[in-house]
N, C-alpha and C. Protein backbone atom coordinates (compact mmCIF):
# COMPACT_ATOMS: atom_id res chain seq x y z
N UNK A 1 -18.44 -65.84 5.01
CA UNK A 1 -18.33 -64.76 5.83
C UNK A 1 -19.73 -63.92 5.71
N UNK A 2 -20.66 -63.60 6.49
CA UNK A 2 -21.70 -63.07 6.21
C UNK A 2 -21.58 -61.46 6.28
N UNK A 3 -22.31 -60.72 5.56
CA UNK A 3 -22.21 -59.17 5.72
C UNK A 3 -22.74 -58.62 6.83
N UNK A 4 -22.77 -57.55 7.30
CA UNK A 4 -23.41 -56.98 8.37
C UNK A 4 -24.84 -57.08 8.15
N UNK A 5 -25.49 -57.10 9.46
CA UNK A 5 -27.02 -57.20 9.37
C UNK A 5 -27.70 -56.09 9.18
N UNK A 6 -29.08 -56.01 8.96
CA UNK A 6 -29.60 -54.74 8.62
C UNK A 6 -29.33 -53.69 9.63
N UNK A 7 -29.65 -53.81 11.05
CA UNK A 7 -29.50 -52.90 12.05
C UNK A 7 -28.23 -52.17 12.11
N UNK A 8 -27.20 -53.21 12.00
CA UNK A 8 -25.69 -52.89 12.03
C UNK A 8 -25.27 -51.98 10.90
N UNK A 9 -25.74 -52.34 9.68
CA UNK A 9 -25.50 -51.62 8.45
C UNK A 9 -26.05 -50.14 8.65
N UNK A 10 -27.23 -50.16 9.11
CA UNK A 10 -27.96 -48.65 9.26
C UNK A 10 -27.17 -47.92 10.30
N UNK A 11 -26.60 -48.60 11.18
CA UNK A 11 -25.78 -47.80 12.54
C UNK A 11 -24.64 -47.30 11.80
N UNK A 12 -24.10 -48.05 11.10
CA UNK A 12 -22.72 -47.61 10.28
C UNK A 12 -23.13 -46.52 9.20
N UNK A 13 -24.09 -46.60 8.76
CA UNK A 13 -24.42 -45.49 7.63
C UNK A 13 -24.67 -44.17 8.47
N UNK A 14 -25.51 -44.35 9.53
CA UNK A 14 -25.67 -43.06 10.33
C UNK A 14 -24.40 -42.52 10.77
N UNK A 15 -23.41 -43.28 11.15
CA UNK A 15 -22.25 -42.88 11.83
C UNK A 15 -21.50 -42.33 10.89
N UNK A 16 -21.38 -42.74 9.58
CA UNK A 16 -20.67 -42.19 8.39
C UNK A 16 -21.25 -40.75 8.11
N UNK A 17 -22.48 -40.64 8.26
CA UNK A 17 -23.31 -39.33 7.85
C UNK A 17 -22.73 -38.45 8.98
N UNK A 18 -22.76 -38.73 10.28
CA UNK A 18 -22.35 -37.91 11.32
C UNK A 18 -20.68 -37.34 11.21
N UNK A 19 -20.04 -38.39 10.63
CA UNK A 19 -18.55 -37.99 10.56
C UNK A 19 -18.42 -36.85 9.39
N UNK A 20 -19.24 -37.07 8.31
CA UNK A 20 -19.29 -36.31 7.03
C UNK A 20 -19.78 -35.05 7.57
N UNK A 21 -20.79 -34.82 8.22
CA UNK A 21 -21.36 -33.60 8.83
C UNK A 21 -20.21 -32.78 9.59
N UNK A 22 -19.39 -33.61 10.52
CA UNK A 22 -18.37 -33.06 11.27
C UNK A 22 -17.27 -32.61 10.72
N UNK A 23 -16.90 -33.22 9.34
CA UNK A 23 -15.76 -32.53 8.48
C UNK A 23 -16.13 -31.45 7.96
N UNK A 24 -14.96 -30.46 7.90
CA UNK A 24 -15.15 -29.16 7.52
C UNK A 24 -15.63 -29.18 5.93
N UNK A 25 -16.40 -28.42 5.52
CA UNK A 25 -16.94 -28.29 4.24
C UNK A 25 -16.58 -27.16 3.58
N UNK A 26 -15.61 -26.05 4.14
CA UNK A 26 -15.25 -24.80 3.40
C UNK A 26 -14.46 -25.07 2.43
N UNK A 27 -14.43 -24.31 1.35
CA UNK A 27 -13.62 -24.35 0.18
C UNK A 27 -12.57 -23.26 0.26
N UNK A 28 -11.58 -23.52 -0.67
CA UNK A 28 -10.60 -22.63 -0.75
C UNK A 28 -11.21 -21.14 -1.24
N UNK A 29 -10.76 -20.04 -0.40
CA UNK A 29 -10.99 -18.85 -0.72
C UNK A 29 -9.86 -17.98 -1.56
N UNK A 30 -10.13 -17.52 -2.54
CA UNK A 30 -9.12 -16.70 -3.33
C UNK A 30 -9.29 -15.24 -3.29
N UNK A 31 -8.40 -14.36 -3.10
CA UNK A 31 -8.42 -12.92 -3.04
C UNK A 31 -7.39 -12.36 -3.96
N UNK A 32 -7.97 -11.62 -4.80
CA UNK A 32 -7.13 -10.87 -5.90
C UNK A 32 -7.58 -9.36 -5.94
N UNK A 33 -6.87 -8.70 -6.66
CA UNK A 33 -7.13 -7.29 -6.90
C UNK A 33 -8.24 -6.85 -7.76
N UNK A 34 -8.86 -8.08 -8.55
CA UNK A 34 -9.77 -7.79 -9.42
C UNK A 34 -9.62 -7.03 -10.68
N UNK A 35 -9.18 -5.86 -10.69
CA UNK A 35 -8.78 -5.10 -11.86
C UNK A 35 -7.42 -4.40 -11.52
N UNK A 36 -6.52 -4.41 -12.75
CA UNK A 36 -5.14 -3.81 -12.63
C UNK A 36 -4.86 -3.08 -13.79
N UNK A 37 -4.02 -1.64 -13.49
CA UNK A 37 -3.61 -1.14 -14.72
C UNK A 37 -2.20 -0.93 -14.49
N UNK A 38 -1.42 -1.22 -15.54
CA UNK A 38 -0.03 -1.02 -15.56
C UNK A 38 0.62 -0.40 -16.95
N UNK A 39 1.67 0.00 -16.91
CA UNK A 39 2.40 0.68 -18.14
C UNK A 39 3.01 -0.34 -19.10
N UNK A 40 2.82 -0.14 -20.17
CA UNK A 40 3.63 -0.86 -21.19
C UNK A 40 5.05 -0.71 -20.97
N UNK A 41 5.86 -1.99 -20.86
CA UNK A 41 7.38 -1.96 -20.77
C UNK A 41 7.72 -2.33 -19.49
N UNK A 42 6.83 -2.13 -18.31
CA UNK A 42 7.30 -2.33 -17.06
C UNK A 42 6.89 -3.73 -16.32
N UNK A 43 7.40 -3.92 -15.37
CA UNK A 43 6.93 -5.07 -14.64
C UNK A 43 5.56 -4.86 -13.71
N UNK A 44 4.70 -6.05 -13.52
CA UNK A 44 3.75 -5.78 -12.75
C UNK A 44 3.73 -7.27 -11.99
N UNK A 45 3.17 -7.09 -10.65
CA UNK A 45 2.98 -7.98 -9.80
C UNK A 45 1.51 -8.59 -9.66
N UNK A 46 1.12 -9.75 -9.97
CA UNK A 46 -0.11 -10.22 -10.01
C UNK A 46 -0.53 -10.74 -8.83
N UNK A 47 -1.10 -10.18 -7.77
CA UNK A 47 -1.24 -10.62 -6.41
C UNK A 47 -2.31 -11.56 -6.48
N UNK A 48 -2.21 -12.65 -5.75
CA UNK A 48 -3.15 -13.56 -5.30
C UNK A 48 -3.00 -14.24 -3.91
N UNK A 49 -3.90 -14.27 -3.10
CA UNK A 49 -3.63 -14.94 -1.76
C UNK A 49 -4.76 -15.61 -1.61
N UNK A 50 -4.80 -16.67 -0.53
CA UNK A 50 -5.80 -17.74 -0.35
C UNK A 50 -6.12 -17.81 1.20
N UNK A 51 -7.14 -18.57 1.43
CA UNK A 51 -7.40 -19.00 2.72
C UNK A 51 -7.95 -20.62 2.68
N UNK A 52 -7.61 -21.26 3.56
CA UNK A 52 -8.01 -22.85 3.61
C UNK A 52 -8.21 -23.18 4.91
N UNK A 53 -9.08 -24.12 5.19
CA UNK A 53 -9.28 -24.75 6.66
C UNK A 53 -8.24 -25.93 6.86
N UNK A 54 -7.62 -26.27 5.49
CA UNK A 54 -6.45 -27.40 5.86
C UNK A 54 -5.28 -26.73 5.83
N UNK A 55 -4.34 -27.21 6.85
CA UNK A 55 -2.92 -26.62 6.75
C UNK A 55 -2.19 -26.86 5.45
N UNK A 56 -1.49 -25.89 5.02
CA UNK A 56 -0.72 -25.83 3.84
C UNK A 56 0.26 -26.83 3.93
N UNK A 57 0.20 -27.87 2.99
CA UNK A 57 1.22 -28.94 2.99
C UNK A 57 1.93 -29.17 1.50
N UNK A 58 2.74 -30.25 1.50
CA UNK A 58 3.34 -30.44 0.05
C UNK A 58 2.30 -30.87 -1.19
N UNK A 59 1.21 -31.04 -0.75
CA UNK A 59 0.00 -31.47 -1.95
C UNK A 59 -0.30 -30.24 -2.52
N UNK A 60 -0.20 -29.11 -1.95
CA UNK A 60 -0.81 -27.80 -2.64
C UNK A 60 -0.04 -27.55 -3.97
N UNK A 61 -1.09 -27.01 -4.89
CA UNK A 61 -0.63 -26.82 -6.18
C UNK A 61 -1.31 -25.25 -6.53
N UNK A 62 -0.77 -24.59 -7.26
CA UNK A 62 -1.19 -23.32 -7.67
C UNK A 62 -0.89 -23.47 -9.29
N UNK A 63 -2.21 -22.82 -9.80
CA UNK A 63 -2.11 -22.75 -11.35
C UNK A 63 -2.58 -21.40 -11.88
N UNK A 64 -1.67 -20.61 -12.71
CA UNK A 64 -2.16 -19.49 -13.46
C UNK A 64 -2.38 -19.85 -14.81
N UNK A 65 -3.42 -19.21 -15.31
CA UNK A 65 -3.60 -19.12 -16.57
C UNK A 65 -4.21 -17.72 -17.05
N UNK A 66 -4.25 -17.58 -18.58
CA UNK A 66 -4.47 -16.41 -19.15
C UNK A 66 -5.42 -16.66 -20.32
N UNK A 67 -6.45 -15.48 -20.57
CA UNK A 67 -7.30 -15.65 -21.49
C UNK A 67 -7.29 -14.17 -22.10
N UNK A 68 -6.82 -13.91 -23.37
CA UNK A 68 -6.61 -12.53 -24.02
C UNK A 68 -7.87 -11.93 -23.87
N UNK A 69 -7.87 -10.49 -23.93
CA UNK A 69 -9.32 -9.63 -23.95
C UNK A 69 -9.98 -9.79 -25.28
N UNK A 70 -9.14 -10.08 -26.39
CA UNK A 70 -10.05 -9.99 -27.54
C UNK A 70 -10.31 -11.55 -27.91
N UNK A 71 -10.41 -12.54 -26.86
CA UNK A 71 -10.69 -13.65 -27.15
C UNK A 71 -9.70 -14.52 -27.46
N UNK A 72 -9.92 -15.88 -27.69
CA UNK A 72 -9.05 -17.05 -27.98
C UNK A 72 -8.75 -17.96 -26.84
N UNK A 73 -8.10 -19.02 -27.12
CA UNK A 73 -8.10 -20.00 -26.06
C UNK A 73 -7.17 -19.72 -24.73
N UNK A 74 -7.60 -20.65 -23.80
CA UNK A 74 -6.78 -20.07 -22.57
C UNK A 74 -5.36 -20.59 -22.62
N UNK A 75 -4.42 -20.00 -22.12
CA UNK A 75 -3.20 -20.11 -22.36
C UNK A 75 -2.45 -20.38 -20.85
N UNK A 76 -1.42 -21.18 -20.80
CA UNK A 76 -0.80 -21.62 -19.35
C UNK A 76 0.29 -20.46 -19.26
N UNK A 77 0.39 -20.05 -17.88
CA UNK A 77 1.06 -18.94 -17.50
C UNK A 77 2.38 -19.45 -16.70
N UNK A 78 1.81 -20.21 -15.49
CA UNK A 78 2.64 -20.47 -14.35
C UNK A 78 2.05 -21.63 -13.55
N UNK A 79 2.96 -22.64 -12.97
CA UNK A 79 2.43 -23.88 -12.08
C UNK A 79 3.31 -23.82 -11.07
N UNK A 80 2.98 -24.18 -9.78
CA UNK A 80 3.47 -24.29 -8.54
C UNK A 80 3.30 -25.74 -7.82
N UNK A 81 4.15 -26.53 -7.60
CA UNK A 81 3.92 -27.86 -6.92
C UNK A 81 5.27 -28.15 -6.05
N UNK A 82 5.35 -27.65 -4.89
CA UNK A 82 6.65 -27.69 -3.96
C UNK A 82 7.72 -26.92 -4.63
N UNK A 83 7.62 -26.70 -5.73
CA UNK A 83 8.71 -25.63 -6.64
C UNK A 83 7.94 -25.04 -7.68
N UNK A 84 8.56 -23.86 -8.11
CA UNK A 84 7.87 -23.01 -9.19
C UNK A 84 8.19 -23.85 -10.46
N UNK A 85 7.33 -23.99 -11.50
CA UNK A 85 7.55 -24.46 -12.95
C UNK A 85 7.29 -23.41 -14.00
N UNK A 86 8.21 -22.63 -14.44
CA UNK A 86 7.90 -21.75 -15.32
C UNK A 86 7.67 -22.31 -16.66
N UNK A 87 6.92 -21.48 -17.47
CA UNK A 87 6.56 -21.97 -19.03
C UNK A 87 7.87 -22.21 -19.80
N UNK A 88 7.97 -23.17 -20.37
CA UNK A 88 9.10 -23.46 -21.24
C UNK A 88 8.85 -22.85 -22.77
N UNK A 89 7.66 -22.42 -23.23
CA UNK A 89 7.55 -21.90 -24.33
C UNK A 89 6.35 -20.88 -24.44
N UNK A 90 6.07 -20.44 -25.36
CA UNK A 90 4.94 -19.46 -25.57
C UNK A 90 5.22 -17.96 -24.99
N UNK A 91 4.13 -17.14 -24.91
CA UNK A 91 4.44 -15.73 -25.03
C UNK A 91 4.73 -15.35 -23.43
N UNK A 92 4.73 -16.28 -22.61
CA UNK A 92 5.26 -15.87 -20.98
C UNK A 92 6.77 -16.55 -20.71
N UNK A 93 7.20 -17.33 -21.65
CA UNK A 93 8.60 -17.90 -21.54
C UNK A 93 9.59 -16.80 -21.06
N UNK A 94 10.27 -17.05 -19.99
CA UNK A 94 11.34 -16.01 -19.41
C UNK A 94 10.75 -14.51 -19.20
N UNK A 95 9.45 -14.58 -18.88
CA UNK A 95 8.84 -13.41 -18.51
C UNK A 95 7.97 -13.36 -17.11
N UNK A 96 7.86 -14.53 -16.42
CA UNK A 96 7.22 -14.90 -15.38
C UNK A 96 7.94 -15.66 -14.06
N UNK A 97 7.79 -15.17 -12.96
CA UNK A 97 8.74 -15.65 -11.90
C UNK A 97 7.72 -15.59 -10.64
N UNK A 98 8.13 -16.71 -9.81
CA UNK A 98 7.31 -16.74 -8.59
C UNK A 98 7.55 -15.70 -7.60
N UNK A 99 6.59 -15.26 -7.05
CA UNK A 99 6.76 -14.11 -5.89
C UNK A 99 5.88 -14.30 -4.85
N UNK A 100 5.61 -15.45 -4.48
CA UNK A 100 4.62 -15.70 -3.46
C UNK A 100 5.48 -16.22 -2.06
N UNK A 101 4.59 -16.26 -1.07
CA UNK A 101 5.21 -16.90 0.16
C UNK A 101 4.05 -17.70 0.79
N UNK A 102 4.11 -18.91 1.05
CA UNK A 102 3.21 -19.85 1.28
C UNK A 102 2.90 -19.47 2.76
N UNK A 103 4.00 -19.31 3.65
CA UNK A 103 3.77 -19.06 5.16
C UNK A 103 2.61 -18.01 5.07
N UNK A 104 2.52 -17.09 4.27
CA UNK A 104 1.62 -16.03 4.36
C UNK A 104 0.40 -16.34 3.37
N UNK A 105 0.40 -17.40 2.81
CA UNK A 105 -0.69 -18.09 1.79
C UNK A 105 -0.58 -17.02 0.74
N UNK A 106 0.34 -16.72 0.19
CA UNK A 106 0.50 -15.65 -0.89
C UNK A 106 1.08 -16.59 -2.07
N UNK A 107 0.33 -16.33 -3.30
CA UNK A 107 0.80 -17.27 -4.39
C UNK A 107 0.87 -16.39 -5.59
N UNK A 108 1.24 -15.06 -5.22
CA UNK A 108 1.30 -14.30 -6.47
C UNK A 108 2.73 -14.55 -7.21
N UNK A 109 2.39 -13.79 -8.44
CA UNK A 109 3.60 -14.20 -9.53
C UNK A 109 4.13 -12.70 -10.06
N UNK A 110 5.17 -12.51 -10.41
CA UNK A 110 5.74 -11.37 -11.16
C UNK A 110 5.77 -11.40 -12.61
N UNK A 111 5.18 -10.49 -13.53
CA UNK A 111 5.29 -10.59 -14.94
C UNK A 111 6.18 -9.38 -15.36
N UNK A 112 7.07 -9.83 -16.02
CA UNK A 112 8.22 -8.81 -16.77
C UNK A 112 7.67 -8.32 -18.02
N UNK A 113 8.27 -7.09 -18.29
CA UNK A 113 8.17 -6.57 -19.58
C UNK A 113 6.77 -6.64 -20.32
N UNK A 114 5.94 -5.76 -19.75
CA UNK A 114 4.56 -5.85 -20.15
C UNK A 114 4.35 -5.32 -21.46
N UNK A 115 3.50 -6.07 -22.31
CA UNK A 115 3.23 -5.78 -23.63
C UNK A 115 1.82 -5.36 -23.88
N UNK A 116 1.43 -4.94 -24.81
CA UNK A 116 -0.02 -4.48 -25.07
C UNK A 116 -1.01 -5.80 -25.22
N UNK A 117 -0.43 -6.87 -25.70
CA UNK A 117 -1.12 -7.89 -26.06
C UNK A 117 -1.23 -8.83 -24.82
N UNK A 118 -0.69 -8.15 -23.42
CA UNK A 118 -0.65 -8.91 -22.35
C UNK A 118 -2.20 -8.76 -21.73
N UNK A 119 -3.01 -7.64 -22.26
CA UNK A 119 -4.26 -7.21 -21.85
C UNK A 119 -5.34 -8.47 -21.95
N UNK A 120 -6.00 -8.61 -20.63
CA UNK A 120 -6.84 -9.73 -20.63
C UNK A 120 -6.92 -10.33 -19.21
N UNK A 121 -7.41 -11.34 -19.00
CA UNK A 121 -7.86 -11.99 -17.64
C UNK A 121 -6.97 -13.15 -17.23
N UNK A 122 -6.31 -13.00 -16.05
CA UNK A 122 -5.25 -13.94 -15.48
C UNK A 122 -6.17 -14.60 -14.39
N UNK A 123 -6.09 -15.91 -14.45
CA UNK A 123 -6.86 -16.51 -13.38
C UNK A 123 -5.78 -17.33 -12.26
N UNK A 124 -6.12 -17.43 -11.31
CA UNK A 124 -5.39 -18.04 -10.06
C UNK A 124 -6.14 -19.16 -9.61
N UNK A 125 -5.68 -20.47 -9.62
CA UNK A 125 -6.48 -21.46 -8.92
C UNK A 125 -5.35 -22.20 -7.87
N UNK A 126 -6.10 -22.39 -6.55
CA UNK A 126 -5.28 -23.01 -5.62
C UNK A 126 -5.96 -24.23 -5.10
N UNK A 127 -5.24 -25.45 -4.94
CA UNK A 127 -5.85 -26.60 -4.41
C UNK A 127 -4.84 -26.81 -3.22
N UNK A 128 -5.45 -27.25 -2.12
CA UNK A 128 -4.95 -27.79 -0.94
C UNK A 128 -5.40 -28.82 -0.35
N UNK A 129 -5.21 -29.97 -0.91
CA UNK A 129 -5.89 -31.28 -0.49
C UNK A 129 -5.78 -31.36 1.17
N UNK A 130 -6.86 -31.90 1.64
CA UNK A 130 -8.31 -32.28 1.07
C UNK A 130 -9.07 -31.06 0.71
N UNK A 131 -8.64 -29.62 0.78
CA UNK A 131 -9.55 -28.55 0.50
C UNK A 131 -9.22 -28.35 -0.94
N UNK A 132 -9.99 -28.87 -1.66
CA UNK A 132 -9.62 -28.53 -3.23
C UNK A 132 -10.70 -27.99 -4.17
N UNK A 133 -11.89 -27.56 -3.37
CA UNK A 133 -12.89 -27.00 -3.95
C UNK A 133 -12.83 -25.32 -3.81
N UNK A 134 -13.54 -24.54 -4.80
CA UNK A 134 -13.51 -23.19 -4.48
C UNK A 134 -13.54 -22.54 -5.69
N UNK A 135 -13.77 -21.04 -5.57
CA UNK A 135 -13.75 -20.55 -6.94
C UNK A 135 -12.50 -20.10 -7.45
N UNK A 136 -12.23 -19.85 -8.68
CA UNK A 136 -11.00 -19.38 -9.23
C UNK A 136 -10.79 -17.92 -9.33
N UNK A 137 -9.66 -17.28 -8.75
CA UNK A 137 -9.56 -15.92 -8.64
C UNK A 137 -9.21 -15.21 -9.97
N UNK A 138 -9.53 -14.17 -10.24
CA UNK A 138 -9.43 -13.58 -11.50
C UNK A 138 -8.74 -12.10 -11.41
N UNK A 139 -7.80 -11.78 -12.38
CA UNK A 139 -7.38 -10.32 -12.39
C UNK A 139 -7.39 -9.79 -13.94
N UNK A 140 -8.10 -8.68 -13.97
CA UNK A 140 -8.46 -8.23 -15.34
C UNK A 140 -7.19 -7.12 -15.46
N UNK A 141 -6.08 -7.42 -16.14
CA UNK A 141 -4.88 -6.63 -16.53
C UNK A 141 -5.16 -5.70 -17.83
N UNK A 142 -5.02 -4.44 -17.48
CA UNK A 142 -4.97 -3.39 -18.56
C UNK A 142 -3.57 -2.88 -18.74
N UNK A 143 -3.04 -3.00 -19.93
CA UNK A 143 -1.73 -2.35 -20.24
C UNK A 143 -1.88 -1.14 -21.08
N UNK A 144 -1.27 -0.17 -20.45
CA UNK A 144 -1.65 1.13 -21.07
C UNK A 144 -0.48 1.80 -21.14
N UNK A 145 -0.40 3.01 -21.99
CA UNK A 145 0.75 3.77 -22.33
C UNK A 145 1.19 4.59 -21.15
N UNK A 146 0.37 5.30 -20.55
CA UNK A 146 0.62 6.02 -19.27
C UNK A 146 -0.59 5.92 -18.17
N UNK A 147 -0.29 5.43 -16.88
CA UNK A 147 -1.11 5.46 -15.96
C UNK A 147 -1.88 6.72 -15.61
N UNK A 148 -3.26 6.44 -15.59
CA UNK A 148 -4.21 7.60 -15.20
C UNK A 148 -4.07 7.90 -13.69
N UNK A 149 -4.37 9.12 -13.38
CA UNK A 149 -4.43 9.49 -11.93
C UNK A 149 -5.64 8.75 -11.31
N UNK A 150 -5.37 8.01 -10.35
CA UNK A 150 -6.19 7.54 -9.35
C UNK A 150 -6.38 8.23 -8.29
N UNK A 151 -7.49 7.64 -7.32
CA UNK A 151 -7.53 8.38 -5.95
C UNK A 151 -6.41 8.56 -5.30
N UNK A 152 -5.56 7.37 -5.20
CA UNK A 152 -4.54 7.53 -4.39
C UNK A 152 -3.45 8.68 -4.88
N UNK A 153 -3.36 8.99 -6.07
CA UNK A 153 -2.59 9.83 -6.62
C UNK A 153 -3.04 11.29 -6.15
N UNK A 154 -4.27 11.32 -6.11
CA UNK A 154 -5.06 12.80 -5.71
C UNK A 154 -4.89 12.88 -4.29
N UNK A 155 -4.93 11.98 -3.46
CA UNK A 155 -4.83 11.86 -1.96
C UNK A 155 -3.36 12.07 -1.72
N UNK A 156 -2.44 11.71 -2.32
CA UNK A 156 -1.01 11.87 -1.97
C UNK A 156 -0.42 13.51 -2.37
N UNK A 157 -1.39 13.87 -3.64
CA UNK A 157 -1.02 15.37 -3.86
C UNK A 157 -1.75 16.14 -2.75
N UNK A 158 -3.11 15.88 -2.44
CA UNK A 158 -3.54 16.76 -1.30
C UNK A 158 -2.90 16.82 -0.10
N UNK A 159 -2.11 15.46 0.49
CA UNK A 159 -1.46 15.55 1.44
C UNK A 159 -0.06 16.41 1.37
N UNK A 160 0.48 16.23 0.16
CA UNK A 160 1.67 16.99 0.14
C UNK A 160 1.54 18.37 -0.02
N UNK A 161 0.20 18.91 -0.48
CA UNK A 161 -0.29 20.26 -0.55
C UNK A 161 -0.35 20.84 0.77
N UNK A 162 -1.00 20.02 1.76
CA UNK A 162 -1.24 20.49 2.91
C UNK A 162 0.19 20.65 3.81
N UNK A 163 1.09 19.66 3.67
CA UNK A 163 2.29 19.57 4.22
C UNK A 163 3.02 20.85 3.74
N UNK A 164 2.93 21.11 2.61
CA UNK A 164 3.79 22.36 2.04
C UNK A 164 3.18 23.61 2.61
N UNK A 165 1.80 23.81 2.77
CA UNK A 165 1.02 24.99 3.29
C UNK A 165 1.37 25.35 4.62
N UNK A 166 1.52 24.06 5.45
CA UNK A 166 1.79 24.15 6.95
C UNK A 166 3.17 24.64 7.09
N UNK A 167 4.15 24.11 6.25
CA UNK A 167 5.66 24.54 6.39
C UNK A 167 5.57 25.96 5.92
N UNK A 168 4.80 26.65 5.00
CA UNK A 168 4.88 28.02 4.73
C UNK A 168 4.28 28.94 6.02
N UNK A 169 3.15 28.42 6.41
CA UNK A 169 2.53 29.00 7.65
C UNK A 169 3.53 28.93 8.68
N UNK A 170 4.35 28.09 8.99
CA UNK A 170 5.30 28.18 9.98
C UNK A 170 6.44 29.18 9.83
N UNK A 171 7.00 29.21 8.42
CA UNK A 171 7.93 30.11 8.06
C UNK A 171 7.48 31.56 8.38
N UNK A 172 6.14 31.71 7.88
CA UNK A 172 5.72 33.24 8.19
C UNK A 172 5.52 33.44 9.61
N UNK A 173 5.00 32.67 10.50
CA UNK A 173 4.99 32.90 11.83
C UNK A 173 6.18 33.31 12.37
N UNK A 174 7.45 32.26 12.01
CA UNK A 174 8.85 32.62 12.65
C UNK A 174 9.34 33.88 12.20
N UNK A 175 9.19 34.30 10.92
CA UNK A 175 9.58 35.65 10.38
C UNK A 175 8.75 36.75 10.93
N UNK A 176 7.73 36.78 11.17
CA UNK A 176 6.92 37.75 11.90
C UNK A 176 7.32 37.94 13.52
N UNK A 177 7.70 36.77 14.04
CA UNK A 177 8.04 36.84 15.44
C UNK A 177 9.64 37.40 15.45
N UNK A 178 10.32 37.18 14.43
CA UNK A 178 11.69 37.47 14.33
C UNK A 178 11.62 39.35 14.35
N UNK A 179 10.83 39.60 13.10
CA UNK A 179 10.60 41.11 13.11
C UNK A 179 10.19 41.76 14.16
N UNK A 180 9.27 41.28 14.77
CA UNK A 180 8.65 41.90 15.99
C UNK A 180 9.79 41.94 17.11
N UNK A 181 10.54 40.92 17.37
CA UNK A 181 11.69 41.19 18.25
C UNK A 181 12.76 42.17 18.02
N UNK A 182 13.01 42.21 16.64
CA UNK A 182 13.75 43.32 15.95
C UNK A 182 13.42 44.62 16.31
N UNK A 183 12.06 44.83 16.04
CA UNK A 183 11.61 46.12 16.39
C UNK A 183 11.53 46.58 17.88
N UNK A 184 11.23 45.70 18.86
CA UNK A 184 11.26 45.75 20.11
C UNK A 184 12.90 46.17 20.61
N UNK A 185 13.55 45.24 20.25
CA UNK A 185 15.14 45.63 20.44
C UNK A 185 15.65 46.98 19.86
N UNK A 186 15.08 47.45 18.70
CA UNK A 186 15.56 48.80 18.22
C UNK A 186 14.91 49.98 19.20
N UNK A 187 13.65 49.70 19.51
CA UNK A 187 12.89 50.81 20.65
C UNK A 187 13.61 50.70 21.73
N UNK A 188 14.03 49.66 22.27
CA UNK A 188 14.80 49.49 23.70
C UNK A 188 16.05 50.33 23.59
N UNK A 189 16.96 50.34 22.62
CA UNK A 189 18.06 50.96 22.32
C UNK A 189 17.78 52.41 22.02
N UNK A 190 16.86 52.89 21.64
CA UNK A 190 16.36 54.33 21.40
C UNK A 190 16.11 54.82 22.67
N UNK A 191 15.44 54.19 23.66
CA UNK A 191 15.07 54.72 24.88
C UNK A 191 16.38 54.71 25.83
N UNK A 192 17.24 53.93 25.77
CA UNK A 192 18.46 53.87 26.36
C UNK A 192 19.40 55.23 25.81
N UNK A 193 19.21 55.41 24.40
CA UNK A 193 19.88 56.57 24.14
C UNK A 193 19.27 58.00 24.52
N UNK A 194 18.07 57.89 24.48
CA UNK A 194 17.47 59.26 24.93
C UNK A 194 17.50 59.67 26.26
N UNK A 195 17.76 58.63 27.13
CA UNK A 195 17.77 58.96 28.73
C UNK A 195 19.24 59.83 28.79
N UNK A 196 20.32 59.22 28.40
CA UNK A 196 21.35 60.35 28.65
C UNK A 196 21.40 61.67 27.96
N UNK A 197 20.90 61.77 27.08
CA UNK A 197 20.54 63.07 26.35
C UNK A 197 19.71 63.95 27.20
N UNK A 198 18.70 63.20 27.81
CA UNK A 198 17.75 64.26 28.66
C UNK A 198 18.64 64.54 29.97
N UNK A 199 19.45 63.60 30.55
CA UNK A 199 20.12 63.90 31.63
C UNK A 199 21.08 65.26 31.31
N UNK A 200 21.75 65.13 30.13
CA UNK A 200 22.78 66.11 29.76
C UNK A 200 22.08 67.47 29.64
N UNK A 201 20.92 67.46 29.11
CA UNK A 201 20.13 68.72 28.98
C UNK A 201 19.64 69.15 30.31
N UNK A 202 19.22 68.22 31.35
CA UNK A 202 18.95 68.88 32.57
C UNK A 202 20.20 69.45 33.42
N UNK A 203 21.30 68.76 33.13
CA UNK A 203 22.26 69.29 33.83
C UNK A 203 22.72 70.64 33.27
N UNK A 204 22.70 70.86 32.02
CA UNK A 204 23.11 72.20 31.54
C UNK A 204 22.14 73.15 31.89
N UNK A 205 20.81 72.79 31.99
CA UNK A 205 19.84 73.91 32.40
C UNK A 205 20.23 74.23 33.95
N UNK A 206 20.62 73.36 34.71
CA UNK A 206 21.02 73.47 36.35
C UNK A 206 22.29 74.63 36.14
N UNK A 207 23.16 74.19 35.29
CA UNK A 207 24.37 74.89 35.29
C UNK A 207 23.89 76.39 34.87
N UNK A 208 23.18 76.55 33.75
CA UNK A 208 22.44 77.98 33.58
C UNK A 208 21.94 78.65 34.61
N UNK A 209 21.15 78.07 35.39
CA UNK A 209 20.35 78.64 36.62
C UNK A 209 21.31 78.95 37.53
N UNK A 210 22.55 78.25 37.75
CA UNK A 210 23.25 78.50 39.01
C UNK A 210 24.11 79.58 38.52
N UNK A 211 24.58 79.81 37.25
CA UNK A 211 25.29 81.01 36.80
C UNK A 211 24.45 82.17 36.87
N UNK A 212 23.13 82.19 36.65
CA UNK A 212 22.17 83.37 36.49
C UNK A 212 22.15 83.89 38.04
N UNK A 213 22.16 83.00 38.96
CA UNK A 213 21.87 83.11 40.40
C UNK A 213 23.21 83.94 40.81
N UNK A 214 24.37 83.31 40.41
CA UNK A 214 25.63 84.01 40.96
C UNK A 214 25.82 85.25 40.40
N UNK A 215 25.30 85.68 39.27
CA UNK A 215 25.50 87.12 38.62
C UNK A 215 24.42 88.06 39.33
N UNK A 216 23.35 87.39 39.87
CA UNK A 216 22.49 88.34 40.68
C UNK A 216 23.29 88.66 41.98
């Protein structure tokens, strides 16, 4: 059996190049918070989401690793393939759980009971065959004694202060209107009381004038 002739082989080669050009060449894109700060002893969610040109299928894998801030070898944190696989030993044993949702392309994990030696860089890698290329997502975690005020805290404080100021202004306006109405009511009562007195005074004056005329 003879192999393909020269022109036929060239045609097949050109067809292969065209098919390769038509096949998507995008890579898996990973999205993380980049930097994260959390308080010692609390739990923290390491958020990682992705986008892929290929549909999410049973071949998808997720790998989380950790490298300490002070250096040292990379350590296994978590693995997912059709179901979560927790570490059976090491620093993260019984401290990490799956908190993702593949329908939303979310492959986040939850880390319990933070310690100061959890400071370091966490990497999130997603492979969704045939889309297996792409950069690894990173999160730089800083475990602190207390969380410093961030812009969000200042924004919440400013909004709260503005709301409190608005409430105070409304209360002042309501009180001013109440006292004005009270003063108007008191003035109206005074006018009502003064009119009968004036009428009585006029009647008395009339009686006096009539009695004087009679004496004349």
